[in-house]
Amino acid sequence: MAYKFLGIIPDTGKDDSPTMWLHEETGDLLIQSYKATKEEVKECQEVGSVPGHSTDVPDHETIIRLPAAMLKYIPRQDGDAADAAPST
């Protein structure tokens, strides 16, 4: 299997469950989390990114809001999550 479960937001309810997985072959993170609100997207667009780069969000992309409690599951350079939950 190419995916590894990294973690779920602590004290999550049954249906409200930001979760993170790692694609072990590519190193990509797959994140289930809250969609940014229209206001949050607008504020991100106002801040912008690289000069000259569009601030539009293409249909095949989205902006998500990752709760701070999930940051501990992001893998470090050594390849290990800071506080990884056991794999299932």
Protein backbone atom coordinates (compact mmCIF):
# COMPACT_ATOMS: atom_id res chain seq x y z
CA MET A 1 0.00 0.00 0.00
CA ALA A 2 1.37 3.42 -0.95
CA TYR A 3 -0.46 5.37 1.77
CA LYS A 4 0.36 5.69 5.45
CA PHE A 5 -2.05 7.12 8.02
CA LEU A 6 -0.31 9.95 9.88
CA GLY A 7 -2.94 11.28 12.24
CA ILE A 8 -6.39 12.60 12.97
CA ILE A 9 -7.31 15.75 14.86
CA PRO A 10 -7.30 14.98 18.59
CA ASP A 11 -10.69 14.57 20.26
CA THR A 12 -12.43 14.39 16.90
CA GLY A 13 -16.06 13.50 16.66
CA LYS A 14 -17.32 10.63 14.54
CA ASP A 15 -18.19 12.82 11.54
CA ASP A 16 -15.85 15.80 11.96
CA SER A 17 -12.43 14.38 11.39
CA PRO A 18 -9.56 16.27 9.74
CA THR A 19 -7.12 13.50 8.84
CA MET A 20 -3.70 13.26 7.20
CA TRP A 21 -2.04 10.54 5.11
CA LEU A 22 1.37 10.27 3.46
CA HIS A 23 1.88 8.80 -0.02
CA GLU A 24 5.01 6.83 0.76
CA GLU A 25 6.29 6.69 -2.83
CA THR A 26 5.92 10.38 -3.71
CA GLY A 27 6.09 12.00 -0.27
CA ASP A 28 2.84 13.84 -1.00
CA LEU A 29 0.51 14.62 1.89
CA LEU A 30 -3.20 13.96 1.48
CA ILE A 31 -5.23 16.09 3.85
CA GLN A 32 -8.89 15.91 4.74
CA SER A 33 -9.79 19.10 6.51
CA TYR A 34 -12.11 22.09 6.56
CA LYS A 35 -12.69 24.07 3.37
CA ALA A 36 -11.59 27.64 3.73
CA THR A 37 -14.53 30.01 3.93
CA LYS A 38 -15.15 32.50 1.14
CA GLU A 39 -13.82 35.22 3.45
CA GLU A 40 -10.63 33.24 4.20
CA VAL A 41 -10.06 32.64 0.46
CA LYS A 42 -10.62 36.34 -0.24
CA GLU A 43 -8.10 37.29 2.46
CA CYS A 44 -5.53 34.83 1.05
CA GLN A 45 -6.06 36.32 -2.40
CA GLU A 46 -5.53 39.82 -1.00
CA VAL A 47 -2.23 38.74 0.58
CA GLY A 48 -1.18 37.01 -2.66
CA SER A 49 1.92 34.90 -3.16
CA VAL A 50 4.66 35.25 -5.77
CA PRO A 51 4.57 38.63 -7.57
CA GLY A 52 2.74 38.33 -10.87
CA HIS A 53 1.13 34.99 -9.97
CA SER A 54 -2.65 34.73 -10.22
CA THR A 55 -4.56 34.64 -6.95
CA ASP A 56 -7.43 32.73 -8.55
CA VAL A 57 -8.04 29.22 -7.20
CA PRO A 58 -8.46 26.85 -10.17
CA ASP A 59 -11.37 24.41 -10.18
CA HIS A 60 -8.99 21.47 -9.62
CA GLU A 61 -7.54 23.10 -6.46
CA THR A 62 -8.92 24.34 -3.17
CA ILE A 63 -7.71 26.14 -0.06
CA ILE A 64 -8.12 24.14 3.12
CA ARG A 65 -7.83 25.23 6.72
CA LEU A 66 -5.57 22.87 8.64
CA PRO A 67 -6.10 23.07 12.41
CA ALA A 68 -2.91 23.88 14.31
CA ALA A 69 -3.35 20.60 16.23
CA MET A 70 -2.65 18.76 12.94
CA LEU A 71 0.77 20.35 12.36
CA LYS A 72 2.42 17.74 14.55
CA TYR A 73 1.59 15.06 11.96
CA ILE A 74 3.49 16.73 9.12
CA PRO A 75 6.61 14.64 8.43
CA ARG A 76 9.97 16.20 9.26
CA GLN A 77 13.06 16.10 7.07
CA ASP A 78 14.13 12.86 8.78
CA GLY A 79 10.98 11.25 7.33
CA ASP A 80 9.17 10.85 10.62
CA ALA A 81 6.14 12.79 11.86
CA ALA A 82 6.77 14.81 14.98
CA ASP A 83 4.10 12.92 16.91
CA ALA A 84 2.81 10.30 14.49
CA ALA A 85 -0.17 8.23 15.44
CA PRO A 86 0.13 4.47 15.01
CA SER A 87 -0.59 3.16 11.52
CA THR A 88 -3.87 1.38 10.94
